[in-house]
Amino acid sequence: MKDPQKPFDMVEVRRFQTELARNVIAEDTFSSPIRNVAGLGIAYNGEDAAVACAMYDYGSLELLHSQLRSVRINFPYIPTLLSLREGPPMIELIRDAERKADLYLINCHGVAHPRRMGLAS
């Protein structure tokens, strides 16, 4: 694994995004009905941020679970690389959740990203 203190290679990161974009599935491949949906978002106050997740029953829209976490953001703002800034706290929130959603809606770019690989992808 790369040393997190060392600068990363922008060309390498962008090449990796392009490679990952080839794996995006843009069609419904669910084998069973969606039962619950969660939305994720992040808001900033300087380098501090709040990351939130709310999960709802897909049919009734009943709130099933919600989480809010304050985090310190250590990755700089770099256009087209927000997934490296916002992804880790969102992924951590999902991993720590008591319940898992069938589908996550992420308030970020997806295939509208210049390399078709925003965080939502």
PDB file of N, CA and C in Angstrom:
ATOM      1  N   MET A   1       0.843  -1.188   0.000  1.00  0.00           N
ATOM      2  CA  MET A   1       0.000   0.000   0.000  1.00  0.00           C
ATOM      3  C   MET A   1       0.881   1.241   0.000  1.00  0.00           C
ATOM      4  N   LYS A   2       0.430   2.260  -0.685  1.00  0.00           N
ATOM      5  CA  LYS A   2       1.174   3.500  -0.804  1.00  0.00           C
ATOM      6  C   LYS A   2       1.184   4.250   0.528  1.00  0.00           C
ATOM      7  N   ASP A   3       2.304   4.896   0.837  1.00  0.00           N
ATOM      8  CA  ASP A   3       2.438   5.703   2.043  1.00  0.00           C
ATOM      9  C   ASP A   3       1.495   6.898   1.934  1.00  0.00           C
ATOM     10  N   PRO A   4       0.531   7.079   2.886  1.00  0.00           N
ATOM     11  CA  PRO A   4      -0.436   8.170   2.769  1.00  0.00           C
ATOM     12  C   PRO A   4       0.198   9.552   2.883  1.00  0.00           C
ATOM     13  N   GLN A   5       1.427   9.648   3.387  1.00  0.00           N
ATOM     14  CA  GLN A   5       2.098  10.936   3.518  1.00  0.00           C
ATOM     15  C   GLN A   5       2.771  11.373   2.217  1.00  0.00           C
ATOM     16  N   LYS A   6       3.001  10.455   1.307  1.00  0.00           N
ATOM     17  CA  LYS A   6       3.659  10.769   0.044  1.00  0.00           C
ATOM     18  C   LYS A   6       2.628  11.284  -0.957  1.00  0.00           C
ATOM     19  N   PRO A   7       3.033  12.237  -1.801  1.00  0.00           N
ATOM     20  CA  PRO A   7       2.097  12.717  -2.821  1.00  0.00           C
ATOM     21  C   PRO A   7       1.749  11.599  -3.800  1.00  0.00           C
ATOM     22  N   PHE A   8       0.569  11.668  -4.358  1.00  0.00           N
ATOM     23  CA  PHE A   8       0.157  10.644  -5.315  1.00  0.00           C
ATOM     24  C   PHE A   8       0.332  11.168  -6.725  1.00  0.00           C
ATOM     25  N   ASP A   9       0.348  10.278  -7.643  1.00  0.00           N
ATOM     26  CA  ASP A   9       0.547  10.578  -9.059  1.00  0.00           C
ATOM     27  C   ASP A   9      -0.820  10.850  -9.700  1.00  0.00           C
ATOM     28  N   MET A  10      -1.063  12.107 -10.084  1.00  0.00           N
ATOM     29  CA  MET A  10      -2.349  12.492 -10.660  1.00  0.00           C
ATOM     30  C   MET A  10      -2.656  11.711 -11.941  1.00  0.00           C
ATOM     31  N   VAL A  11      -1.654  11.461 -12.759  1.00  0.00           N
ATOM     32  CA  VAL A  11      -1.858  10.702 -13.989  1.00  0.00           C
ATOM     33  C   VAL A  11      -2.327   9.291 -13.653  1.00  0.00           C
ATOM     34  N   GLU A  12      -1.691   8.687 -12.663  1.00  0.00           N
ATOM     35  CA  GLU A  12      -2.056   7.326 -12.232  1.00  0.00           C
ATOM     36  C   GLU A  12      -3.486   7.286 -11.688  1.00  0.00           C
ATOM     37  N   VAL A  13      -3.856   8.259 -10.868  1.00  0.00           N
ATOM     38  CA  VAL A  13      -5.198   8.297 -10.291  1.00  0.00           C
ATOM     39  C   VAL A  13      -6.238   8.463 -11.396  1.00  0.00           C
ATOM     40  N   ARG A  14      -5.986   9.337 -12.328  1.00  0.00           N
ATOM     41  CA  ARG A  14      -6.938   9.547 -13.418  1.00  0.00           C
ATOM     42  C   ARG A  14      -7.047   8.326 -14.326  1.00  0.00           C
ATOM     43  N   ARG A  15      -5.935   7.648 -14.532  1.00  0.00           N
ATOM     44  CA  ARG A  15      -5.956   6.412 -15.322  1.00  0.00           C
ATOM     45  C   ARG A  15      -6.790   5.343 -14.590  1.00  0.00           C
ATOM     46  N   PHE A  16      -6.634   5.286 -13.266  1.00  0.00           N
ATOM     47  CA  PHE A  16      -7.393   4.331 -12.454  1.00  0.00           C
ATOM     48  C   PHE A  16      -8.889   4.640 -12.525  1.00  0.00           C
ATOM     49  N   GLN A  17      -9.264   5.925 -12.477  1.00  0.00           N
ATOM     50  CA  GLN A  17     -10.678   6.291 -12.607  1.00  0.00           C
ATOM     51  C   GLN A  17     -11.245   5.811 -13.946  1.00  0.00           C
ATOM     52  N   THR A  18     -10.504   6.023 -15.006  1.00  0.00           N
ATOM     53  CA  THR A  18     -10.947   5.613 -16.335  1.00  0.00           C
ATOM     54  C   THR A  18     -11.108   4.097 -16.401  1.00  0.00           C
ATOM     55  N   GLU A  19     -10.171   3.389 -15.790  1.00  0.00           N
ATOM     56  CA  GLU A  19     -10.252   1.922 -15.753  1.00  0.00           C
ATOM     57  C   GLU A  19     -11.474   1.459 -14.963  1.00  0.00           C
ATOM     58  N   LEU A  20     -11.703   2.072 -13.794  1.00  0.00           N
ATOM     59  CA  LEU A  20     -12.863   1.706 -12.982  1.00  0.00           C
ATOM     60  C   LEU A  20     -14.175   1.994 -13.706  1.00  0.00           C
ATOM     61  N   ALA A  21     -14.215   3.073 -14.479  1.00  0.00           N
ATOM     62  CA  ALA A  21     -15.440   3.457 -15.181  1.00  0.00           C
ATOM     63  C   ALA A  21     -15.930   2.357 -16.116  1.00  0.00           C
ATOM     64  N   ARG A  22     -15.029   1.542 -16.611  1.00  0.00           N
ATOM     65  CA  ARG A  22     -15.425   0.432 -17.499  1.00  0.00           C
ATOM     66  C   ARG A  22     -16.253  -0.622 -16.772  1.00  0.00           C
ATOM     67  N   ASN A  23     -16.216  -0.609 -15.428  1.00  0.00           N
ATOM     68  CA  ASN A  23     -16.948  -1.601 -14.632  1.00  0.00           C
ATOM     69  C   ASN A  23     -18.290  -1.107 -14.120  1.00  0.00           C
ATOM     70  N   VAL A  24     -18.659   0.122 -14.450  1.00  0.00           N
ATOM     71  CA  VAL A  24     -19.936   0.660 -13.986  1.00  0.00           C
ATOM     72  C   VAL A  24     -21.077  -0.108 -14.659  1.00  0.00           C
ATOM     73  N   ILE A  25     -22.018  -0.542 -13.865  1.00  0.00           N
ATOM     74  CA  ILE A  25     -23.197  -1.249 -14.376  1.00  0.00           C
ATOM     75  C   ILE A  25     -24.331  -0.236 -14.436  1.00  0.00           C
ATOM     76  N   ALA A  26     -24.783   0.072 -15.616  1.00  0.00           N
ATOM     77  CA  ALA A  26     -25.796   1.114 -15.814  1.00  0.00           C
ATOM     78  C   ALA A  26     -27.170   0.539 -16.132  1.00  0.00           C
ATOM     79  N   GLU A  27     -27.438  -0.641 -15.643  1.00  0.00           N
ATOM     80  CA  GLU A  27     -28.747  -1.257 -15.867  1.00  0.00           C
ATOM     81  C   GLU A  27     -29.158  -2.001 -14.604  1.00  0.00           C
ATOM     82  N   ASP A  28     -30.430  -2.303 -14.502  1.00  0.00           N
ATOM     83  CA  ASP A  28     -30.973  -3.005 -13.338  1.00  0.00           C
ATOM     84  C   ASP A  28     -30.530  -4.465 -13.377  1.00  0.00           C
ATOM     85  N   THR A  29     -29.689  -4.845 -12.428  1.00  0.00           N
ATOM     86  CA  THR A  29     -29.247  -6.236 -12.335  1.00  0.00           C
ATOM     87  C   THR A  29     -29.651  -6.859 -10.996  1.00  0.00           C
ATOM     88  N   PHE A  30     -30.584  -6.198 -10.290  1.00  0.00           N
ATOM     89  CA  PHE A  30     -31.043  -6.752  -9.018  1.00  0.00           C
ATOM     90  C   PHE A  30     -31.792  -8.054  -9.275  1.00  0.00           C
ATOM     91  N   SER A  31     -31.503  -9.053  -8.466  1.00  0.00           N
ATOM     92  CA  SER A  31     -32.171 -10.344  -8.632  1.00  0.00           C
ATOM     93  C   SER A  31     -33.419 -10.456  -7.755  1.00  0.00           C
ATOM     94  N   SER A  32     -33.612  -9.521  -6.839  1.00  0.00           N
ATOM     95  CA  SER A  32     -34.809  -9.508  -5.995  1.00  0.00           C
ATOM     96  C   SER A  32     -35.269  -8.068  -5.836  1.00  0.00           C
ATOM     97  N   PRO A  33     -36.520  -7.868  -5.418  1.00  0.00           N
ATOM     98  CA  PRO A  33     -37.037  -6.500  -5.282  1.00  0.00           C
ATOM     99  C   PRO A  33     -36.246  -5.689  -4.247  1.00  0.00           C
ATOM    100  N   ILE A  34     -36.161  -4.392  -4.487  1.00  0.00           N
ATOM    101  CA  ILE A  34     -35.497  -3.487  -3.543  1.00  0.00           C
ATOM    102  C   ILE A  34     -36.437  -3.276  -2.361  1.00  0.00           C
ATOM    103  N   ARG A  35     -35.923  -3.509  -1.162  1.00  0.00           N
ATOM    104  CA  ARG A  35     -36.724  -3.339   0.056  1.00  0.00           C
ATOM    105  C   ARG A  35     -36.408  -2.036   0.773  1.00  0.00           C
ATOM    106  N   ASN A  36     -35.137  -1.627   0.747  1.00  0.00           N
ATOM    107  CA  ASN A  36     -34.775  -0.389   1.432  1.00  0.00           C
ATOM    108  C   ASN A  36     -33.729   0.372   0.640  1.00  0.00           C
ATOM    109  N   VAL A  37     -33.791   1.695   0.800  1.00  0.00           N
ATOM    110  CA  VAL A  37     -32.918   2.606   0.064  1.00  0.00           C
ATOM    111  C   VAL A  37     -32.319   3.584   1.073  1.00  0.00           C
ATOM    112  N   ALA A  38     -31.029   3.861   0.913  1.00  0.00           N
ATOM    113  CA  ALA A  38     -30.369   4.813   1.804  1.00  0.00           C
ATOM    114  C   ALA A  38     -29.765   5.940   0.974  1.00  0.00           C
ATOM    115  N   GLY A  39     -29.818   7.138   1.519  1.00  0.00           N
ATOM    116  CA  GLY A  39     -29.195   8.293   0.892  1.00  0.00           C
ATOM    117  C   GLY A  39     -28.020   8.753   1.735  1.00  0.00           C
ATOM    118  N   LEU A  40     -26.930   9.126   1.072  1.00  0.00           N
ATOM    119  CA  LEU A  40     -25.734   9.610   1.764  1.00  0.00           C
ATOM    120  C   LEU A  40     -25.353  10.984   1.252  1.00  0.00           C
ATOM    121  N   GLY A  41     -24.843  11.808   2.164  1.00  0.00           N
ATOM    122  CA  GLY A  41     -24.371  13.125   1.784  1.00  0.00           C
ATOM    123  C   GLY A  41     -23.342  13.608   2.788  1.00  0.00           C
ATOM    124  N   ILE A  42     -22.629  14.655   2.414  1.00  0.00           N
ATOM    125  CA  ILE A  42     -21.602  15.217   3.266  1.00  0.00           C
ATOM    126  C   ILE A  42     -21.672  16.742   3.166  1.00  0.00           C
ATOM    127  N   ALA A  43     -21.450  17.420   4.289  1.00  0.00           N
ATOM    128  CA  ALA A  43     -21.450  18.885   4.332  1.00  0.00           C
ATOM    129  C   ALA A  43     -20.206  19.330   5.083  1.00  0.00           C
ATOM    130  N   TYR A  44     -19.655  20.460   4.673  1.00  0.00           N
ATOM    131  CA  TYR A  44     -18.366  20.920   5.198  1.00  0.00           C
ATOM    132  C   TYR A  44     -18.467  22.195   6.011  1.00  0.00           C
ATOM    133  N   ASN A  45     -17.552  22.286   6.962  1.00  0.00           N
ATOM    134  CA  ASN A  45     -17.260  23.517   7.693  1.00  0.00           C
ATOM    135  C   ASN A  45     -15.742  23.556   7.780  1.00  0.00           C
ATOM    136  N   GLY A  46     -15.114  24.136   6.778  1.00  0.00           N
ATOM    137  CA  GLY A  46     -13.650  24.096   6.698  1.00  0.00           C
ATOM    138  C   GLY A  46     -13.199  22.679   6.401  1.00  0.00           C
ATOM    139  N   GLU A  47     -12.304  22.165   7.223  1.00  0.00           N
ATOM    140  CA  GLU A  47     -11.832  20.782   7.052  1.00  0.00           C
ATOM    141  C   GLU A  47     -12.623  19.799   7.910  1.00  0.00           C
ATOM    142  N   ASP A  48     -13.592  20.284   8.661  1.00  0.00           N
ATOM    143  CA  ASP A  48     -14.495  19.414   9.403  1.00  0.00           C
ATOM    144  C   ASP A  48     -15.722  19.168   8.543  1.00  0.00           C
ATOM    145  N   ALA A  49     -16.290  17.991   8.670  1.00  0.00           N
ATOM    146  CA  ALA A  49     -17.452  17.660   7.854  1.00  0.00           C
ATOM    147  C   ALA A  49     -18.426  16.808   8.654  1.00  0.00           C
ATOM    148  N   ALA A  50     -19.655  16.824   8.204  1.00  0.00           N
ATOM    149  CA  ALA A  50     -20.687  15.939   8.740  1.00  0.00           C
ATOM    150  C   ALA A  50     -21.104  15.030   7.596  1.00  0.00           C
ATOM    151  N   VAL A  51     -21.039  13.740   7.832  1.00  0.00           N
ATOM    152  CA  VAL A  51     -21.475  12.763   6.834  1.00  0.00           C
ATOM    153  C   VAL A  51     -22.730  12.109   7.394  1.00  0.00           C
ATOM    154  N   ALA A  52     -23.752  11.987   6.539  1.00  0.00           N
ATOM    155  CA  ALA A  52     -25.044  11.493   6.993  1.00  0.00           C
ATOM    156  C   ALA A  52     -25.567  10.398   6.079  1.00  0.00           C
ATOM    157  N   CYS A  53     -26.335   9.508   6.681  1.00  0.00           N
ATOM    158  CA  CYS A  53     -26.987   8.428   5.943  1.00  0.00           C
ATOM    159  C   CYS A  53     -28.384   8.238   6.532  1.00  0.00           C
ATOM    160  N   ALA A  54     -29.381   8.165   5.678  1.00  0.00           N
ATOM    161  CA  ALA A  54     -30.753   7.889   6.108  1.00  0.00           C
ATOM    162  C   ALA A  54     -31.289   6.752   5.252  1.00  0.00           C
ATOM    163  N   MET A  55     -31.810   5.713   5.917  1.00  0.00           N
ATOM    164  CA  MET A  55     -32.337   4.545   5.210  1.00  0.00           C
ATOM    165  C   MET A  55     -33.853   4.482   5.382  1.00  0.00           C
ATOM    166  N   TYR A  56     -34.527   4.245   4.256  1.00  0.00           N
ATOM    167  CA  TYR A  56     -35.983   4.192   4.249  1.00  0.00           C
ATOM    168  C   TYR A  56     -36.483   2.886   3.648  1.00  0.00           C
ATOM    169  N   ASP A  57     -37.659   2.475   4.107  1.00  0.00           N
ATOM    170  CA  ASP A  57     -38.352   1.366   3.469  1.00  0.00           C
ATOM    171  C   ASP A  57     -38.808   1.861   2.097  1.00  0.00           C
ATOM    172  N   TYR A  58     -38.506   1.112   1.072  1.00  0.00           N
ATOM    173  CA  TYR A  58     -38.787   1.549  -0.300  1.00  0.00           C
ATOM    174  C   TYR A  58     -40.283   1.697  -0.570  1.00  0.00           C
ATOM    175  N   GLY A  59     -41.077   0.838   0.005  1.00  0.00           N
ATOM    176  CA  GLY A  59     -42.523   0.881  -0.249  1.00  0.00           C
ATOM    177  C   GLY A  59     -43.255   1.932   0.555  1.00  0.00           C
ATOM    178  N   SER A  60     -42.979   2.005   1.858  1.00  0.00           N
ATOM    179  CA  SER A  60     -43.734   2.894   2.732  1.00  0.00           C
ATOM    180  C   SER A  60     -43.044   4.234   3.007  1.00  0.00           C
ATOM    181  N   LEU A  61     -41.767   4.342   2.676  1.00  0.00           N
ATOM    182  CA  LEU A  61     -40.934   5.511   2.975  1.00  0.00           C
ATOM    183  C   LEU A  61     -40.760   5.734   4.480  1.00  0.00           C
ATOM    184  N   GLU A  62     -40.967   4.687   5.267  1.00  0.00           N
ATOM    185  CA  GLU A  62     -40.722   4.755   6.710  1.00  0.00           C
ATOM    186  C   GLU A  62     -39.215   4.817   6.955  1.00  0.00           C
ATOM    187  N   LEU A  63     -38.800   5.739   7.824  1.00  0.00           N
ATOM    188  CA  LEU A  63     -37.391   5.834   8.189  1.00  0.00           C
ATOM    189  C   LEU A  63     -37.014   4.597   9.004  1.00  0.00           C
ATOM    190  N   LEU A  64     -36.014   3.856   8.536  1.00  0.00           N
ATOM    191  CA  LEU A  64     -35.581   2.638   9.201  1.00  0.00           C
ATOM    192  C   LEU A  64     -34.330   2.848  10.052  1.00  0.00           C
ATOM    193  N   HIS A  65     -33.483   3.750   9.599  1.00  0.00           N
ATOM    194  CA  HIS A  65     -32.187   3.925  10.275  1.00  0.00           C
ATOM    195  C   HIS A  65     -31.569   5.236   9.797  1.00  0.00           C
ATOM    196  N   SER A  66     -30.901   5.925  10.704  1.00  0.00           N
ATOM    197  CA  SER A  66     -30.170   7.122  10.286  1.00  0.00           C
ATOM    198  C   SER A  66     -28.886   7.237  11.097  1.00  0.00           C
ATOM    199  N   GLN A  67     -27.892   7.844  10.492  1.00  0.00           N
ATOM    200  CA  GLN A  67     -26.605   8.048  11.134  1.00  0.00           C
ATOM    201  C   GLN A  67     -26.085   9.425  10.754  1.00  0.00           C
ATOM    202  N   LEU A  68     -25.372  10.044  11.670  1.00  0.00           N
ATOM    203  CA  LEU A  68     -24.701  11.302  11.413  1.00  0.00           C
ATOM    204  C   LEU A  68     -23.370  11.236  12.144  1.00  0.00           C
ATOM    205  N   ARG A  69     -22.318  11.573  11.453  1.00  0.00           N
ATOM    206  CA  ARG A  69     -20.984  11.491  12.048  1.00  0.00           C
ATOM    207  C   ARG A  69     -20.174  12.720  11.673  1.00  0.00           C
ATOM    208  N   SER A  70     -19.483  13.281  12.638  1.00  0.00           N
ATOM    209  CA  SER A  70     -18.539  14.363  12.389  1.00  0.00           C
ATOM    210  C   SER A  70     -17.184  13.753  12.083  1.00  0.00           C
ATOM    211  N   VAL A  71     -16.537  14.260  11.053  1.00  0.00           N
ATOM    212  CA  VAL A  71     -15.232  13.732  10.652  1.00  0.00           C
ATOM    213  C   VAL A  71     -14.297  14.884  10.305  1.00  0.00           C
ATOM    214  N   ARG A  72     -13.022  14.616  10.420  1.00  0.00           N
ATOM    215  CA  ARG A  72     -11.985  15.561   9.977  1.00  0.00           C
ATOM    216  C   ARG A  72     -11.546  15.104   8.597  1.00  0.00           C
ATOM    217  N   ILE A  73     -11.572  15.997   7.620  1.00  0.00           N
ATOM    218  CA  ILE A  73     -11.198  15.670   6.251  1.00  0.00           C
ATOM    219  C   ILE A  73      -9.718  15.989   6.077  1.00  0.00           C
ATOM    220  N   ASN A  74      -8.955  14.984   5.639  1.00  0.00           N
ATOM    221  CA  ASN A  74      -7.512  15.143   5.494  1.00  0.00           C
ATOM    222  C   ASN A  74      -7.033  15.207   4.050  1.00  0.00           C
ATOM    223  N   PHE A  75      -7.956  15.027   3.113  1.00  0.00           N
ATOM    224  CA  PHE A  75      -7.577  15.054   1.705  1.00  0.00           C
ATOM    225  C   PHE A  75      -7.984  16.403   1.128  1.00  0.00           C
ATOM    226  N   PRO A  76      -7.134  17.048   0.336  1.00  0.00           N
ATOM    227  CA  PRO A  76      -7.463  18.375  -0.188  1.00  0.00           C
ATOM    228  C   PRO A  76      -8.583  18.331  -1.224  1.00  0.00           C
ATOM    229  N   TYR A  77      -9.206  19.492  -1.435  1.00  0.00           N
ATOM    230  CA  TYR A  77     -10.197  19.617  -2.487  1.00  0.00           C
ATOM    231  C   TYR A  77      -9.466  19.684  -3.829  1.00  0.00           C
ATOM    232  N   ILE A  78      -9.708  18.692  -4.688  1.00  0.00           N
ATOM    233  CA  ILE A  78      -9.136  18.667  -6.029  1.00  0.00           C
ATOM    234  C   ILE A  78     -10.292  18.316  -6.972  1.00  0.00           C
ATOM    235  N   PRO A  79     -10.674  19.252  -7.859  1.00  0.00           N
ATOM    236  CA  PRO A  79     -11.760  18.943  -8.783  1.00  0.00           C
ATOM    237  C   PRO A  79     -11.503  17.624  -9.522  1.00  0.00           C
ATOM    238  N   THR A  80     -12.538  16.865  -9.696  1.00  0.00           N
ATOM    239  CA  THR A  80     -12.582  15.529 -10.325  1.00  0.00           C
ATOM    240  C   THR A  80     -12.045  14.422  -9.420  1.00  0.00           C
ATOM    241  N   LEU A  81     -11.537  14.765  -8.238  1.00  0.00           N
ATOM    242  CA  LEU A  81     -11.046  13.741  -7.303  1.00  0.00           C
ATOM    243  C   LEU A  81     -11.781  13.796  -5.962  1.00  0.00           C
ATOM    244  N   LEU A  82     -13.031  14.268  -5.980  1.00  0.00           N
ATOM    245  CA  LEU A  82     -13.790  14.339  -4.735  1.00  0.00           C
ATOM    246  C   LEU A  82     -14.024  12.964  -4.118  1.00  0.00           C
ATOM    247  N   SER A  83     -13.999  11.925  -4.929  1.00  0.00           N
ATOM    248  CA  SER A  83     -14.194  10.581  -4.362  1.00  0.00           C
ATOM    249  C   SER A  83     -13.096  10.239  -3.362  1.00  0.00           C
ATOM    250  N   LEU A  84     -11.910  10.786  -3.552  1.00  0.00           N
ATOM    251  CA  LEU A  84     -10.814  10.526  -2.609  1.00  0.00           C
ATOM    252  C   LEU A  84     -10.976  11.338  -1.329  1.00  0.00           C
ATOM    253  N   ARG A  85     -11.728  12.419  -1.392  1.00  0.00           N
ATOM    254  CA  ARG A  85     -11.971  13.270  -0.233  1.00  0.00           C
ATOM    255  C   ARG A  85     -13.225  12.825   0.520  1.00  0.00           C
ATOM    256  N   GLU A  86     -14.288  12.529  -0.217  1.00  0.00           N
ATOM    257  CA  GLU A  86     -15.580  12.229   0.394  1.00  0.00           C
ATOM    258  C   GLU A  86     -15.873  10.740   0.532  1.00  0.00           C
ATOM    259  N   GLY A  87     -15.224   9.928  -0.288  1.00  0.00           N
ATOM    260  CA  GLY A  87     -15.491   8.490  -0.263  1.00  0.00           C
ATOM    261  C   GLY A  87     -15.161   7.811   1.052  1.00  0.00           C
ATOM    262  N   PRO A  88     -13.953   8.001   1.595  1.00  0.00           N
ATOM    263  CA  PRO A  88     -13.612   7.286   2.827  1.00  0.00           C
ATOM    264  C   PRO A  88     -14.592   7.491   3.990  1.00  0.00           C
ATOM    265  N   PRO A  89     -15.034   8.735   4.297  1.00  0.00           N
ATOM    266  CA  PRO A  89     -15.984   8.839   5.407  1.00  0.00           C
ATOM    267  C   PRO A  89     -17.346   8.222   5.087  1.00  0.00           C
ATOM    268  N   MET A  90     -17.770   8.273   3.816  1.00  0.00           N
ATOM    269  CA  MET A  90     -19.044   7.643   3.454  1.00  0.00           C
ATOM    270  C   MET A  90     -18.948   6.128   3.555  1.00  0.00           C
ATOM    271  N   ILE A  91     -17.854   5.568   3.052  1.00  0.00           N
ATOM    272  CA  ILE A  91     -17.664   4.115   3.116  1.00  0.00           C
ATOM    273  C   ILE A  91     -17.596   3.651   4.568  1.00  0.00           C
ATOM    274  N   GLU A  92     -16.900   4.413   5.397  1.00  0.00           N
ATOM    275  CA  GLU A  92     -16.804   4.064   6.822  1.00  0.00           C
ATOM    276  C   GLU A  92     -18.184   4.066   7.476  1.00  0.00           C
ATOM    277  N   LEU A  93     -19.005   5.054   7.145  1.00  0.00           N
ATOM    278  CA  LEU A  93     -20.351   5.129   7.703  1.00  0.00           C
ATOM    279  C   LEU A  93     -21.184   3.921   7.273  1.00  0.00           C
ATOM    280  N   ILE A  94     -21.081   3.541   6.000  1.00  0.00           N
ATOM    281  CA  ILE A  94     -21.810   2.370   5.511  1.00  0.00           C
ATOM    282  C   ILE A  94     -21.326   1.110   6.221  1.00  0.00           C
ATOM    283  N   ARG A  95     -20.022   0.947   6.331  1.00  0.00           N
ATOM    284  CA  ARG A  95     -19.471  -0.256   6.984  1.00  0.00           C
ATOM    285  C   ARG A  95     -19.894  -0.375   8.445  1.00  0.00           C
ATOM    286  N   ASP A  96     -20.000   0.772   9.137  1.00  0.00           N
ATOM    287  CA  ASP A  96     -20.351   0.759  10.560  1.00  0.00           C
ATOM    288  C   ASP A  96     -21.853   0.693  10.820  1.00  0.00           C
ATOM    289  N   ALA A  97     -22.658   0.821   9.782  1.00  0.00           N
ATOM    290  CA  ALA A  97     -24.111   0.868   9.949  1.00  0.00           C
ATOM    291  C   ALA A  97     -24.655  -0.442  10.510  1.00  0.00           C
ATOM    292  N   GLU A  98     -25.668  -0.316  11.363  1.00  0.00           N
ATOM    293  CA  GLU A  98     -26.343  -1.494  11.920  1.00  0.00           C
ATOM    294  C   GLU A  98     -27.060  -2.282  10.834  1.00  0.00           C
ATOM    295  N   ARG A  99     -27.578  -1.565   9.842  1.00  0.00           N
ATOM    296  CA  ARG A  99     -28.315  -2.182   8.748  1.00  0.00           C
ATOM    297  C   ARG A  99     -27.680  -1.782   7.434  1.00  0.00           C
ATOM    298  N   LYS A 100     -27.806  -2.625   6.442  1.00  0.00           N
ATOM    299  CA  LYS A 100     -27.292  -2.342   5.096  1.00  0.00           C
ATOM    300  C   LYS A 100     -28.474  -2.140   4.154  1.00  0.00           C
ATOM    301  N   ALA A 101     -28.327  -1.211   3.255  1.00  0.00           N
ATOM    302  CA  ALA A 101     -29.381  -0.929   2.282  1.00  0.00           C
ATOM    303  C   ALA A 101     -29.214  -1.817   1.054  1.00  0.00           C
ATOM    304  N   ASP A 102     -30.298  -1.989   0.344  1.00  0.00           N
ATOM    305  CA  ASP A 102     -30.243  -2.686  -0.945  1.00  0.00           C
ATOM    306  C   ASP A 102     -29.691  -1.752  -2.018  1.00  0.00           C
ATOM    307  N   LEU A 103     -29.926  -0.455  -1.839  1.00  0.00           N
ATOM    308  CA  LEU A 103     -29.528   0.541  -2.828  1.00  0.00           C
ATOM    309  C   LEU A 103     -29.110   1.815  -2.102  1.00  0.00           C
ATOM    310  N   TYR A 104     -27.989   2.398  -2.512  1.00  0.00           N
ATOM    311  CA  TYR A 104     -27.502   3.649  -1.928  1.00  0.00           C
ATOM    312  C   TYR A 104     -27.569   4.750  -2.984  1.00  0.00           C
ATOM    313  N   LEU A 105     -28.161   5.865  -2.608  1.00  0.00           N
ATOM    314  CA  LEU A 105     -28.196   7.055  -3.448  1.00  0.00           C
ATOM    315  C   LEU A 105     -27.190   8.021  -2.850  1.00  0.00           C
ATOM    316  N   ILE A 106     -26.198   8.400  -3.629  1.00  0.00           N
ATOM    317  CA  ILE A 106     -25.092   9.199  -3.114  1.00  0.00           C
ATOM    318  C   ILE A 106     -25.122  10.569  -3.765  1.00  0.00           C
ATOM    319  N   ASN A 107     -25.087  11.609  -2.939  1.00  0.00           N
ATOM    320  CA  ASN A 107     -25.151  12.978  -3.428  1.00  0.00           C
ATOM    321  C   ASN A 107     -23.789  13.393  -3.984  1.00  0.00           C
ATOM    322  N   CYS A 108     -23.448  12.812  -5.120  1.00  0.00           N
ATOM    323  CA  CYS A 108     -22.170  13.065  -5.797  1.00  0.00           C
ATOM    324  C   CYS A 108     -22.350  12.769  -7.284  1.00  0.00           C
ATOM    325  N   HIS A 109     -21.357  13.130  -8.069  1.00  0.00           N
ATOM    326  CA  HIS A 109     -21.378  12.770  -9.486  1.00  0.00           C
ATOM    327  C   HIS A 109     -21.205  11.267  -9.648  1.00  0.00           C
ATOM    328  N   GLY A 110     -21.715  10.766 -10.720  1.00  0.00           N
ATOM    329  CA  GLY A 110     -21.529   9.372 -11.110  1.00  0.00           C
ATOM    330  C   GLY A 110     -20.921   9.358 -12.499  1.00  0.00           C
ATOM    331  N   VAL A 111     -21.704   8.930 -13.476  1.00  0.00           N
ATOM    332  CA  VAL A 111     -21.195   8.895 -14.844  1.00  0.00           C
ATOM    333  C   VAL A 111     -21.153  10.280 -15.485  1.00  0.00           C
ATOM    334  N   ALA A 112     -21.704  11.308 -14.827  1.00  0.00           N
ATOM    335  CA  ALA A 112     -21.593  12.682 -15.331  1.00  0.00           C
ATOM    336  C   ALA A 112     -20.205  13.266 -15.068  1.00  0.00           C
ATOM    337  N   HIS A 113     -19.396  12.537 -14.335  1.00  0.00           N
ATOM    338  CA  HIS A 113     -18.011  12.918 -14.046  1.00  0.00           C
ATOM    339  C   HIS A 113     -17.218  12.926 -15.353  1.00  0.00           C
ATOM    340  N   PRO A 114     -16.206  13.803 -15.494  1.00  0.00           N
ATOM    341  CA  PRO A 114     -15.433  13.851 -16.750  1.00  0.00           C
ATOM    342  C   PRO A 114     -14.840  12.510 -17.193  1.00  0.00           C
ATOM    343  N   ARG A 115     -14.502  11.641 -16.244  1.00  0.00           N
ATOM    344  CA  ARG A 115     -13.987  10.317 -16.607  1.00  0.00           C
ATOM    345  C   ARG A 115     -15.029   9.227 -16.325  1.00  0.00           C
ATOM    346  N   ARG A 116     -16.296   9.675 -16.150  1.00  0.00           N
ATOM    347  CA  ARG A 116     -17.435   8.770 -15.926  1.00  0.00           C
ATOM    348  C   ARG A 116     -17.266   7.926 -14.667  1.00  0.00           C
ATOM    349  N   MET A 117     -16.508   8.448 -13.687  1.00  0.00           N
ATOM    350  CA  MET A 117     -16.242   7.683 -12.473  1.00  0.00           C
ATOM    351  C   MET A 117     -16.242   8.581 -11.243  1.00  0.00           C
ATOM    352  N   GLY A 118     -17.374   9.287 -11.036  1.00  0.00           N
ATOM    353  CA  GLY A 118     -17.529  10.031  -9.802  1.00  0.00           C
ATOM    354  C   GLY A 118     -17.837   9.075  -8.669  1.00  0.00           C
ATOM    355  N   LEU A 119     -17.888   9.594  -7.459  1.00  0.00           N
ATOM    356  CA  LEU A 119     -18.105   8.759  -6.268  1.00  0.00           C
ATOM    357  C   LEU A 119     -19.389   7.942  -6.364  1.00  0.00           C
ATOM    358  N   ALA A 120     -20.440   8.492  -6.955  1.00  0.00           N
ATOM    359  CA  ALA A 120     -21.706   7.745  -7.061  1.00  0.00           C
ATOM    360  C   ALA A 120     -21.574   6.523  -7.967  1.00  0.00           C
ATOM    361  N   SER A 121     -20.586   6.511  -8.828  1.00  0.00           N
ATOM    362  CA  SER A 121     -20.372   5.342  -9.686  1.00  0.00           C
ATOM    363  C   SER A 121     -19.761   4.214  -8.895  1.00  0.00           C
TER     364      SER A 121
END
